[in-house]
Each structure stands twice: as structure tokens, then as C-alpha cells.
Amino acid sequence: MSLGDIIDKSVHETFARSINTSLTLILVLVALLIFGPPSLFFFILTILVGTVFGTYSSIFIASPLLYLAGRSVDK
């Protein structure tokens, strides 16, 4: 299998699991943001933003970068 095929298969196998895990965490963080203590508001907001961007980048940014890095090594 080529590197692109391996990356594609890996993303397809882990996509639903990554989304489900992140969505569960996001729901808990939103509940804490709304009902939690005001002293933790910015801490919870920071974790929430980091979770959203981390999930996005691990699925949609890291895989293409790995593919591009693997292509440049093969040359």
C-alpha cells in the first residue's frame, strides 16, 4: 500500500471515534462553562477551544502534512 492509502485508511478508521470522543468532552465542557463556577470560566473556555482546534487539526491538518512530509522524503 502507498503512504496515501495508509493515511486514508487510518483517517477513515479513526474519524468516528475521534469525533465521538471529542464531542463527549465538548458537551461536558459546555455544561461546566454554563453551570460551573465563575472562577473556572476562562480555564474551561481554554480547554474547550483547545479541544475543538486539536480535533480539527489532528484529522484535517496532520494527515496531509504527514503525506507531504512522506512524499518529500521519498524524492
Protein backbone atom coordinates (compact mmCIF):
# COMPACT_ATOMS: atom_id res chain seq x y z
CA MET A 1 0.00 0.00 0.00
CA SER A 2 1.16 3.50 -0.67
CA LEU A 3 1.55 6.08 2.08
CA GLY A 4 -1.52 7.95 0.86
CA ASP A 5 -3.64 4.79 1.03
CA ILE A 6 -2.43 4.01 4.55
CA ILE A 7 -3.17 7.54 5.75
CA ASP A 8 -6.60 7.50 4.08
CA LYS A 9 -7.50 4.16 5.66
CA SER A 10 -6.28 5.32 9.07
CA VAL A 11 -8.31 8.53 8.97
CA HIS A 12 -11.43 6.62 7.91
CA GLU A 13 -10.99 4.10 10.74
CA THR A 14 -10.43 6.69 13.45
CA PHE A 15 -12.72 9.51 12.29
CA ALA A 16 -15.90 8.43 14.09
CA ARG A 17 -14.02 7.52 17.26
CA SER A 18 -12.24 10.87 17.33
CA ILE A 19 -15.44 12.83 16.74
CA ASN A 20 -17.37 10.86 19.37
CA THR A 21 -14.66 11.30 22.00
CA SER A 22 -14.25 15.00 21.29
CA LEU A 23 -18.00 15.62 21.14
CA THR A 24 -18.47 13.96 24.54
CA LEU A 25 -15.74 16.13 26.04
CA ILE A 26 -17.14 19.26 24.39
CA LEU A 27 -20.61 18.60 25.83
CA VAL A 28 -19.16 18.22 29.33
CA LEU A 29 -17.07 21.36 28.93
CA VAL A 30 -20.05 23.38 27.69
CA ALA A 31 -22.08 22.19 30.69
CA LEU A 32 -19.23 23.21 33.00
CA LEU A 33 -18.94 26.53 31.20
CA ILE A 34 -22.63 27.27 31.75
CA PHE A 35 -23.19 25.77 35.21
CA GLY A 36 -19.67 25.74 36.63
CA PRO A 37 -18.07 28.20 38.99
CA PRO A 38 -17.25 31.61 37.52
CA SER A 39 -13.65 31.31 38.73
CA LEU A 40 -13.06 28.47 36.25
CA PHE A 41 -14.74 30.11 33.25
CA PHE A 42 -11.59 31.06 31.33
CA PHE A 43 -9.84 27.78 32.19
CA ILE A 44 -12.76 25.73 30.85
CA LEU A 45 -13.05 28.01 27.81
CA THR A 46 -9.36 27.46 27.06
CA ILE A 47 -9.74 23.68 27.26
CA LEU A 48 -12.86 23.87 25.07
CA VAL A 49 -11.15 25.90 22.35
CA GLY A 50 -8.08 23.64 22.51
CA THR A 51 -10.22 20.53 22.14
CA VAL A 52 -12.06 21.89 19.11
CA PHE A 53 -8.90 23.04 17.32
CA GLY A 54 -6.96 19.93 18.37
CA THR A 55 -9.62 17.62 16.96
CA TYR A 56 -9.78 19.59 13.73
CA SER A 57 -6.03 19.70 13.29
CA SER A 58 -5.45 16.04 14.08
CA ILE A 59 -7.94 14.98 11.43
CA PHE A 60 -7.67 17.60 8.70
CA ILE A 61 -4.18 19.08 9.05
CA ALA A 62 -1.87 16.40 10.46
CA SER A 63 -2.72 13.76 7.85
CA PRO A 64 -2.00 15.94 4.79
CA LEU A 65 1.22 17.20 6.43
CA LEU A 66 2.32 13.62 7.06
CA TYR A 67 1.60 12.78 3.43
CA LEU A 68 3.56 15.80 2.18
CA ALA A 69 6.46 15.01 4.51
CA GLY A 70 6.49 11.39 3.34
CA ARG A 71 6.49 12.48 -0.30
CA SER A 72 9.43 14.80 0.23
CA VAL A 73 11.44 12.02 1.91
CA ASP A 74 10.84 9.64 -0.99
CA LYS A 75 12.34 12.05 -3.53
